[in-house]
Protein backbone atom coordinates (compact mmCIF):
# COMPACT_ATOMS: atom_id res chain seq x y z
CA MET A 1 -90.90 -94.63 -22.43
CA GLU A 2 -88.35 -92.87 -20.27
CA LEU A 3 -90.49 -93.14 -16.85
CA ALA A 4 -90.72 -97.17 -18.01
CA GLN A 5 -87.33 -97.99 -19.02
CA ILE A 6 -86.58 -96.45 -15.55
CA LEU A 7 -88.96 -98.32 -13.56
CA MET A 8 -87.73 -100.97 -15.37
CA VAL A 9 -84.24 -100.38 -14.26
CA ILE A 10 -85.58 -99.89 -10.59
CA THR A 11 -86.70 -103.50 -11.12
CA LEU A 12 -83.52 -104.98 -12.43
CA ILE A 13 -81.60 -103.46 -9.45
CA PHE A 14 -84.20 -104.83 -7.14
CA MET A 15 -83.98 -108.75 -8.69
CA VAL A 16 -80.19 -108.43 -8.58
CA TRP A 17 -80.16 -107.24 -5.15
CA GLY A 18 -82.14 -110.26 -3.87
CA LYS A 19 -84.11 -108.88 -0.83
CA THR A 20 -87.03 -109.13 -2.43
CA PRO A 21 -89.10 -112.39 -4.23
CA LEU A 22 -87.93 -112.98 -7.80
CA TYR A 23 -90.15 -113.92 -9.53
CA LEU A 24 -93.21 -111.46 -7.82
CA THR A 25 -90.82 -108.78 -8.70
CA ALA A 26 -90.07 -109.50 -11.95
CA ILE A 27 -93.61 -110.08 -12.75
CA VAL A 28 -94.70 -106.65 -10.82
CA GLY A 29 -91.96 -104.43 -12.21
CA SER A 30 -92.99 -105.78 -15.66
CA THR A 31 -96.25 -105.07 -15.60
CA ILE A 32 -95.90 -101.76 -14.08
CA ALA A 33 -93.23 -100.72 -16.49
CA ALA A 34 -95.58 -101.69 -19.56
CA LEU A 35 -98.38 -100.18 -18.28
CA ALA A 36 -96.00 -96.54 -17.60
CA ALA A 37 -95.36 -96.67 -21.25
CA GLY A 38 -98.79 -96.64 -22.31
CA PHE A 39 -99.09 -100.30 -23.58
CA PRO A 40 -103.27 -101.46 -23.41
CA ILE A 41 -103.86 -104.25 -21.21
CA SER A 42 -105.76 -106.00 -24.18
CA GLY A 43 -107.36 -105.04 -28.41
CA LYS A 44 -106.18 -105.18 -31.14
CA ALA A 45 -103.11 -102.72 -31.11
CA ASP A 46 -99.35 -104.13 -31.98
CA VAL A 47 -98.23 -104.53 -28.57
CA THR A 48 -100.47 -105.34 -25.16
CA LEU A 49 -100.50 -106.59 -21.83
CA ILE A 50 -102.16 -109.84 -22.42
CA LYS A 51 -99.54 -110.44 -25.66
CA LEU A 52 -96.64 -109.62 -24.13
CA VAL A 53 -97.73 -112.31 -21.12
CA ASN A 54 -98.45 -114.48 -24.10
CA GLY A 55 -95.09 -114.43 -25.17
CA GLY A 56 -93.80 -115.92 -22.25
CA LEU A 57 -95.61 -119.22 -22.43
CA ASN A 58 -92.52 -120.55 -25.23
CA PRO A 59 -92.40 -124.08 -26.39
CA VAL A 60 -89.80 -125.43 -23.74
CA ILE A 61 -92.00 -125.74 -21.12
CA ALA A 62 -92.71 -128.56 -22.88
CA ASP A 63 -90.02 -130.13 -22.77
CA ILE A 64 -89.42 -129.34 -18.97
CA THR A 65 -92.63 -131.40 -18.34
CA GLY A 66 -91.68 -134.67 -20.34
CA VAL A 67 -88.03 -134.30 -18.33
CA LEU A 68 -89.68 -134.07 -15.15
CA MET A 69 -92.00 -137.22 -15.65
CA PHE A 70 -89.55 -139.25 -16.56
CA VAL A 71 -87.44 -138.26 -13.32
CA GLY A 72 -90.81 -138.31 -11.20
CA ILE A 73 -90.61 -142.32 -12.14
CA LEU A 74 -87.60 -143.00 -12.23
CA GLU A 75 -86.56 -141.74 -8.56
CA SER A 76 -90.41 -143.47 -7.34
CA SER A 77 -89.57 -146.77 -8.98
CA GLY A 78 -86.38 -146.64 -7.18
CA PHE A 79 -83.85 -146.80 -10.80
CA LEU A 80 -82.51 -143.72 -9.87
CA LYS A 81 -80.74 -144.99 -6.16
CA VAL A 82 -79.42 -148.42 -8.01
CA ILE A 83 -77.44 -145.42 -10.59
CA ILE A 84 -76.21 -143.14 -7.84
CA ASN A 85 -74.97 -146.33 -5.74
CA LYS A 86 -73.14 -147.75 -9.07
CA ILE A 87 -71.56 -145.23 -9.72
CA MET A 88 -70.18 -143.65 -6.42
CA ALA A 89 -68.74 -147.42 -6.45
CA TRP A 90 -67.60 -146.80 -9.84
CA GLY A 91 -66.04 -143.70 -8.00
CA SER A 92 -64.54 -145.45 -5.02
CA GLN A 93 -62.28 -148.54 -7.59
CA LEU A 94 -61.20 -145.69 -9.58
CA GLY A 95 -60.13 -143.12 -7.11
CA GLY A 96 -60.83 -144.10 -3.31
CA ALA A 97 -62.04 -141.10 -1.60
CA PRO A 98 -61.10 -138.43 -4.19
CA GLY A 99 -63.03 -140.56 -6.56
CA ILE A 100 -66.59 -141.49 -3.93
CA THR A 101 -66.45 -137.76 -3.51
CA ALA A 102 -66.13 -136.93 -6.93
CA ALA A 103 -68.83 -139.41 -8.45
CA GLY A 104 -71.11 -138.12 -5.71
CA SER A 105 -70.91 -134.73 -7.22
CA LEU A 106 -71.33 -135.70 -10.56
CA ALA A 107 -74.66 -137.94 -9.51
CA ALA A 108 -76.22 -135.04 -7.63
CA GLY A 109 -74.66 -132.55 -10.81
CA CYS A 110 -76.78 -134.96 -13.14
CA ILE A 111 -80.16 -134.83 -10.62
CA GLY A 112 -79.82 -131.49 -10.49
CA ALA A 113 -79.57 -130.79 -14.14
CA LEU A 114 -82.86 -133.02 -14.62
CA THR A 115 -84.92 -131.37 -11.77
CA GLY A 116 -83.51 -127.47 -11.83
CA PHE A 117 -82.35 -127.40 -8.18
CA THR A 118 -78.87 -129.07 -7.54
CA GLN A 119 -78.80 -130.51 -3.60
CA PRO A 120 -75.13 -131.74 -3.64
CA VAL A 121 -76.24 -132.89 0.18
CA VAL A 122 -78.34 -135.56 -1.29
CA THR A 123 -75.52 -137.28 -2.35
CA ALA A 124 -72.58 -135.62 -0.08
CA ALA A 125 -74.26 -137.15 3.15
CA ILE A 126 -73.08 -140.98 1.75
CA THR A 127 -70.06 -139.74 0.12
CA GLY A 128 -69.08 -137.11 2.80
CA PRO A 129 -68.54 -139.26 5.77
CA ALA A 130 -67.26 -142.52 3.35
CA ALA A 131 -64.36 -140.14 2.30
CA THR A 132 -63.22 -138.53 5.51
CA LYS A 133 -63.07 -142.39 6.92
CA LEU A 134 -60.88 -142.64 3.95
CA GLY A 135 -58.40 -140.30 5.16
CA MET A 136 -59.77 -136.99 3.23
CA ASP A 137 -59.53 -133.53 4.02
CA PRO A 138 -63.26 -132.46 5.22
CA ASN A 139 -62.62 -129.02 3.99
CA LYS A 140 -61.90 -130.43 0.24
CA THR A 141 -64.50 -133.47 0.56
CA ALA A 142 -67.01 -130.69 1.35
CA GLY A 143 -65.58 -128.33 -1.71
CA LEU A 144 -65.40 -131.42 -4.03
CA ALA A 145 -69.15 -132.14 -3.45
CA ALA A 146 -70.95 -129.03 -4.00
CA HIS A 147 -69.41 -128.83 -7.12
CA ALA A 148 -72.50 -130.27 -8.06
CA GLY A 149 -74.23 -127.02 -8.61
CA HIS A 150 -71.87 -126.04 -11.79
CA PHE A 151 -72.93 -128.77 -13.54
CA GLY A 152 -76.52 -129.32 -12.75
CA ASN A 153 -77.42 -125.39 -13.56
CA PHE A 154 -75.45 -125.20 -16.50
CA ALA A 155 -75.86 -128.53 -17.97
CA GLY A 156 -79.17 -128.73 -17.42
CA PHE A 157 -83.01 -128.14 -18.73
CA THR A 158 -84.85 -126.87 -15.91
CA HIS A 159 -82.80 -124.44 -14.05
CA PRO A 160 -84.42 -120.63 -14.28
CA THR A 161 -81.77 -118.80 -15.89
CA GLN A 162 -80.78 -121.71 -18.31
CA VAL A 163 -84.81 -121.82 -19.81
CA ALA A 164 -84.96 -117.99 -19.77
CA VAL A 165 -81.79 -117.86 -21.96
CA VAL A 166 -82.60 -120.80 -24.31
CA ALA A 167 -86.08 -119.27 -24.87
CA THR A 168 -84.52 -115.93 -25.72
CA ALA A 169 -81.82 -117.01 -27.90
CA ALA A 170 -84.80 -119.51 -29.82
CA ILE A 171 -82.04 -121.94 -29.87
CA GLY A 172 -83.46 -125.41 -27.87
CA PHE A 173 -82.14 -127.79 -25.65
CA GLY A 174 -78.90 -129.64 -27.44
CA ALA A 175 -75.46 -128.04 -27.79
CA ILE A 176 -75.62 -125.79 -24.72
CA ASN A 177 -76.39 -128.77 -22.68
CA VAL A 178 -73.06 -130.71 -23.88
CA VAL A 179 -71.10 -127.06 -23.39
CA GLY A 180 -72.59 -127.06 -20.00
CA ALA A 181 -71.43 -130.99 -19.36
CA ILE A 182 -68.16 -130.18 -20.57
CA VAL A 183 -67.50 -127.52 -18.00
CA GLY A 184 -69.11 -128.77 -15.28
CA ILE A 185 -66.76 -132.03 -15.35
CA SER A 186 -63.96 -130.15 -15.88
CA ILE A 187 -64.41 -128.36 -12.87
CA ILE A 188 -65.10 -131.61 -10.93
CA LEU A 189 -61.77 -132.71 -12.30
CA PHE A 190 -59.90 -130.16 -11.55
CA SER A 191 -60.57 -130.40 -7.76
CA PHE A 192 -60.46 -134.50 -7.88
CA VAL A 193 -56.75 -134.10 -9.92
CA ARG A 194 -55.64 -131.37 -6.69
CA VAL A 195 -56.58 -133.76 -4.49
CA ALA A 196 -56.21 -137.30 -5.49
CA SER A 197 -52.29 -135.65 -6.28
CA ALA A 198 -52.05 -134.64 -2.31
CA MET A 199 -53.65 -137.79 -1.09
CA LYS A 200 -51.15 -139.90 -3.48
CA LYS A 201 -47.46 -137.73 -1.93
CA ASN A 202 -49.05 -138.40 1.63
CA PRO A 203 -51.11 -141.64 1.50
CA PRO A 204 -53.70 -142.37 4.69
CA VAL A 205 -53.10 -144.98 6.71
CA LEU A 206 -56.02 -147.04 6.32
CA ASP A 207 -57.28 -151.18 8.13
CA GLU A 208 -59.31 -153.38 5.34
CA GLU A 209 -62.20 -153.19 8.13
CA THR A 210 -62.71 -149.37 7.05
CA LYS A 211 -62.35 -149.93 3.70
CA ASN A 212 -64.75 -152.60 3.35
CA GLU A 213 -66.96 -150.59 5.54
CA VAL A 214 -67.14 -148.01 2.80
CA GLU A 215 -67.67 -150.28 -0.12
CA ARG A 216 -70.62 -151.93 1.48
CA SER A 217 -72.20 -148.73 1.79
CA PHE A 218 -73.00 -148.60 -1.87
CA ALA A 219 -73.62 -152.01 -2.37
CA ASN A 220 -76.84 -152.41 -4.73
CA VAL A 221 -79.73 -153.93 -2.21
CA SER A 222 -82.55 -153.39 -4.66
CA GLU A 223 -84.31 -156.06 -6.31
CA TYR A 224 -83.35 -154.02 -9.97
CA SER A 225 -79.88 -154.73 -11.43
CA PHE A 226 -78.18 -151.52 -12.55
CA GLY A 227 -78.46 -152.27 -16.24
CA LEU A 228 -82.07 -152.85 -16.21
CA ALA A 229 -82.16 -149.76 -14.07
CA VAL A 230 -79.31 -147.75 -16.40
CA PHE A 231 -81.50 -148.62 -19.77
CA PRO A 232 -84.06 -145.92 -19.72
CA PHE A 233 -81.49 -143.52 -18.59
CA LEU A 234 -79.38 -144.26 -21.92
CA LEU A 235 -82.24 -144.39 -24.03
CA PHE A 236 -83.74 -141.03 -23.01
CA CYS A 237 -80.12 -139.54 -23.40
CA ALA A 238 -79.76 -141.14 -26.81
CA GLY A 239 -82.74 -139.66 -28.07
CA PHE A 240 -81.92 -136.50 -26.64
CA VAL A 241 -78.67 -136.29 -28.53
CA LEU A 242 -80.76 -137.51 -32.02
CA GLY A 243 -82.63 -134.79 -31.84
CA PHE A 244 -85.93 -135.85 -30.70
CA PRO A 245 -88.73 -133.55 -29.22
CA VAL A 246 -87.21 -133.86 -25.29
CA PHE A 247 -91.28 -133.45 -24.28
CA ILE A 248 -91.76 -137.19 -26.28
CA VAL A 249 -88.49 -139.22 -25.38
CA GLY A 250 -89.42 -138.35 -21.78
CA SER A 251 -93.18 -139.19 -22.21
CA VAL A 252 -91.74 -142.41 -23.59
CA CYS A 253 -88.89 -143.25 -21.51
CA ALA A 254 -91.14 -142.55 -18.45
CA ILE A 255 -93.63 -145.28 -19.75
CA LEU A 256 -90.90 -148.21 -20.32
CA VAL A 257 -89.79 -147.15 -16.12
CA GLY A 258 -93.19 -148.36 -15.09
CA LEU A 259 -93.19 -151.66 -17.33
CA LEU A 260 -89.55 -152.63 -16.84
CA ALA A 261 -90.30 -152.13 -12.80
CA LYS A 262 -93.67 -153.86 -13.31
CA MET A 263 -95.41 -151.54 -12.24
CA GLU A 264 -99.39 -150.74 -12.20
CA LEU A 265 -100.32 -148.68 -14.92
CA HIS A 266 -102.37 -145.88 -12.41
CA LYS A 267 -99.66 -145.44 -10.64
CA SER A 268 -97.14 -145.26 -13.03
CA GLU A 269 -99.52 -142.24 -14.59
CA ASN A 270 -99.67 -140.76 -10.85
CA GLU A 271 -95.63 -140.98 -10.64
CA MET A 272 -95.00 -139.26 -13.67
CA ILE A 273 -97.34 -136.30 -13.00
CA ASP A 274 -95.72 -136.00 -9.07
CA GLY A 275 -92.96 -135.76 -11.16
CA VAL A 276 -94.64 -132.58 -13.18
CA LYS A 277 -95.40 -130.80 -9.91
CA LYS A 278 -91.58 -129.55 -9.96
CA ALA A 279 -92.41 -127.87 -12.88
CA ALA A 280 -94.02 -125.33 -10.87
CA ILE A 281 -90.74 -123.43 -10.35
CA PRO A 282 -88.70 -123.39 -13.98
CA ILE A 283 -92.53 -122.65 -15.24
CA VAL A 284 -93.36 -119.67 -13.23
CA ALA A 285 -89.41 -118.95 -14.15
CA THR A 286 -89.92 -118.95 -17.80
CA ILE A 287 -93.30 -117.18 -18.07
CA SER A 288 -91.71 -114.54 -15.73
CA PHE A 289 -88.46 -113.81 -17.23
CA LEU A 290 -89.36 -113.98 -21.13
CA PHE A 291 -92.50 -111.47 -19.77
CA MET A 292 -90.33 -109.15 -18.34
CA SER A 293 -87.67 -109.93 -21.59
CA GLY A 294 -90.44 -108.18 -24.00
CA VAL A 295 -91.35 -105.96 -22.06
CA ILE A 296 -88.02 -104.78 -21.40
CA ASN A 297 -87.56 -105.07 -25.25
CA LYS A 298 -90.72 -102.44 -26.33
CA ILE A 299 -89.91 -100.21 -24.07
CA GLY A 300 -86.50 -99.79 -25.39
CA LEU A 301 -84.47 -100.41 -22.73
CA VAL A 302 -82.51 -102.62 -25.17
CA ASP A 303 -81.74 -100.12 -27.45
CA VAL A 304 -80.44 -97.79 -24.40
CA ILE A 305 -78.41 -100.28 -23.34
CA ALA A 306 -76.68 -101.24 -26.36
CA ASP A 307 -76.04 -97.36 -27.07
CA ILE A 308 -74.05 -97.66 -23.33
CA MET A 309 -72.14 -100.92 -24.11
CA GLY A 310 -71.91 -100.01 -27.51
CA PRO A 311 -68.24 -99.78 -27.92
CA PHE A 312 -67.80 -103.27 -25.86
CA VAL A 313 -69.92 -105.24 -27.83
CA THR A 314 -68.72 -103.48 -31.21
CA VAL A 315 -64.96 -104.72 -30.11
CA SER A 316 -66.74 -108.60 -29.08
CA PRO A 317 -70.27 -109.46 -28.53
CA ILE A 318 -69.88 -112.74 -27.13
CA TYR A 319 -66.75 -111.99 -25.56
CA SER A 320 -68.80 -108.84 -23.80
CA MET A 321 -71.52 -111.27 -22.95
CA LEU A 322 -69.31 -113.99 -21.04
CA PHE A 323 -67.81 -110.67 -19.00
CA VAL A 324 -71.14 -109.58 -18.23
CA SER A 325 -72.63 -113.24 -17.05
CA ALA A 326 -69.39 -113.69 -15.15
CA LEU A 327 -69.87 -110.64 -13.33
CA ALA A 328 -73.29 -111.05 -12.84
CA GLY A 329 -72.68 -114.57 -10.84
CA PHE A 330 -69.91 -113.06 -9.42
CA ILE A 331 -71.78 -109.85 -7.50
CA THR A 332 -75.19 -111.30 -7.15
CA GLN A 333 -73.93 -115.12 -5.94
CA SER A 334 -76.96 -116.47 -7.31
CA ASN A 335 -77.38 -118.25 -11.07
CA ALA A 336 -81.17 -116.91 -10.51
CA ALA A 337 -80.92 -113.56 -9.62
CA SER A 338 -78.22 -113.10 -12.58
CA VAL A 339 -80.80 -113.78 -15.31
CA ALA A 340 -81.89 -110.02 -14.46
CA ILE A 341 -78.76 -108.85 -15.96
CA ASP A 342 -77.65 -112.06 -18.53
CA VAL A 343 -81.16 -111.96 -20.30
CA PRO A 344 -81.15 -108.01 -21.00
CA PHE A 345 -77.86 -107.97 -22.36
CA LEU A 346 -77.95 -111.38 -24.05
CA GLN A 347 -80.93 -109.27 -26.04
CA VAL A 348 -78.06 -106.54 -26.74
CA VAL A 349 -75.38 -109.29 -27.93
CA LEU A 350 -77.92 -111.00 -30.44
CA ALA A 351 -79.42 -107.33 -31.81
CA ALA A 352 -75.52 -106.79 -32.81
CA GLY A 353 -75.66 -109.98 -34.52
CA ALA A 354 -74.05 -112.74 -32.26
CA ASP A 355 -74.45 -116.35 -32.78
CA PRO A 356 -77.32 -117.45 -30.49
CA LEU A 357 -75.78 -120.74 -29.15
CA THR A 358 -72.60 -118.84 -28.37
CA ALA A 359 -73.96 -116.15 -27.26
CA ALA A 360 -76.63 -118.31 -24.94
CA CYS A 361 -73.44 -120.34 -23.85
CA ALA A 362 -71.91 -117.40 -22.72
CA ALA A 363 -75.08 -115.90 -21.04
CA ALA A 364 -75.76 -119.14 -18.74
CA GLY A 365 -72.31 -120.19 -18.34
CA GLY A 366 -70.96 -117.42 -16.54
CA SER A 367 -73.07 -116.72 -14.05
CA ALA A 368 -73.50 -120.99 -13.42
CA VAL A 369 -69.46 -120.90 -13.01
CA THR A 370 -68.70 -117.83 -10.82
CA GLN A 371 -71.83 -118.18 -8.97
CA TYR A 372 -70.16 -120.02 -5.59
CA TYR A 373 -67.17 -117.93 -5.96
CA LEU A 374 -67.51 -115.67 -2.91
CA THR A 375 -69.07 -117.92 -0.59
CA GLY A 376 -69.86 -121.22 -2.32
CA GLY A 377 -73.78 -120.08 -2.26
CA PRO A 378 -75.05 -117.87 0.44
CA VAL A 379 -78.30 -120.35 0.77
CA ALA A 380 -77.57 -123.34 -1.04
CA ALA A 381 -74.87 -125.54 -2.25
CA LEU A 382 -71.85 -125.36 -0.06
CA SER A 383 -73.70 -124.31 2.76
CA THR A 384 -75.90 -127.54 2.83
CA VAL A 385 -72.94 -129.92 2.52
CA ILE A 386 -70.91 -128.88 5.99
CA PRO A 387 -73.55 -130.03 8.19
CA VAL A 388 -72.90 -133.58 6.61
CA VAL A 389 -69.03 -133.23 6.43
CA LYS A 390 -68.07 -133.69 10.08
CA ASP A 391 -65.05 -130.96 11.10
CA SER A 392 -65.07 -128.94 7.42
CA ASN A 393 -66.04 -125.42 7.44
CA LEU A 394 -67.68 -122.69 4.84
CA LYS A 395 -64.38 -120.51 4.85
CA ASP A 396 -61.65 -123.52 3.83
CA ALA A 397 -64.15 -125.60 1.71
CA ASN A 398 -65.18 -122.20 -0.50
CA LYS A 399 -61.14 -121.23 -0.60
CA PHE A 400 -60.17 -124.86 -2.12
CA GLN A 401 -62.90 -124.66 -4.78
CA ARG A 402 -61.81 -120.92 -5.98
CA PRO A 403 -58.74 -122.37 -8.30
CA ALA A 404 -61.50 -125.21 -10.04
CA MET A 405 -63.92 -122.46 -10.78
CA LEU A 406 -61.40 -120.16 -12.24
CA PHE A 407 -60.47 -123.61 -14.12
CA GLY A 408 -64.30 -123.68 -15.50
CA LEU A 409 -64.44 -120.35 -16.19
CA LEU A 410 -61.15 -120.42 -19.33
CA VAL A 411 -63.09 -123.96 -20.51
CA LEU A 412 -65.78 -121.89 -20.98
CA PHE A 413 -63.75 -119.18 -22.76
CA VAL A 414 -62.15 -121.78 -24.98
CA LEU A 415 -65.32 -123.76 -25.99
CA VAL A 416 -66.68 -120.07 -26.34
CA SER A 417 -63.82 -119.24 -28.63
CA VAL A 418 -64.58 -122.61 -30.73
CA LEU A 419 -67.83 -121.87 -31.33
CA LEU A 420 -66.80 -118.28 -32.74
CA ILE A 421 -64.74 -119.95 -35.35
CA VAL A 422 -66.99 -122.85 -36.33
CA ARG A 423 -70.37 -120.80 -36.59
């Protein structure tokens, strides 16, 4: 067991280091550790390699599939573009350039929440040039647009870390997504208020032609109205909130999109299946991380971590979890890589008697907020937005983002504290 624990720690270090393939490292390292512990590959023993692998086949995989069936046809039908354009048009009317950028950031975050990996450049390619034309500082434009990742990671259904935490805590989707949405919106709102206040004090001089040009860029040129396009999405949200199985809700809403868009039935089905292709990463991640989690538990590493972190966990399991998760995101600069720290420590916290929902919010939220603090995301997020926002640069845009991230962490702390009281 000691050899197995050492091998597992080495595996976790490689995952945090980020220089090796994340999922293959988890699978191969966990397998080697399990074999070193003497677990048989199969048979009637209480712990076998096959049973540990099957433990990764969590019911949450069905939810992921339902969501992506819905997203696949929502996107191919053109409904999603209609919704995004309307959101950005509202942003323009409510808050000018900062409103456009904040709305685009939220729209990209919503897409990321459904698909697993948030790409703020999807909307920033439109909102970035529009906002700078209206006099908004390029670095603030890029920084605000790239906040989308916080919402997408923490409020979503398919990001690997979110899925692993939900499955480990055995809570299902629901309240954790609401907490994630509040934190994500608070970060976007904080930066929006900062920019809007600064531009109100020093308003840019703009001609009517520029304003009209920006407004036209968000006009709906589709044959579908906004009301028609958004109806299935609202129905999906309602079914989710009411507690219906996410797989069923996603499937029903996907069928409804096909009917409203007057798509041929076979084509509708193909578009749904095409959407499910995006489930490859979250499904592999779920099985890999839960297999790893099972090995960590069975080889006694959870007990070792509990002994080492005992004094902190004894004082407050939940706040210890929040601190560890935030530190993991800060160090790894990746919410995905943070899972190597978040999941083992979450097991310790749960074993100490912590409320599963509250612990899951702390585990998933800390790293989702702090992952972009140092660089804005080393391979994604801000770095993808900079090229589409003329005259912006990574250093200054990231510097602008940091106060909002600290505010988001404060909001998460408050929400976790409330959950501690009410649960």
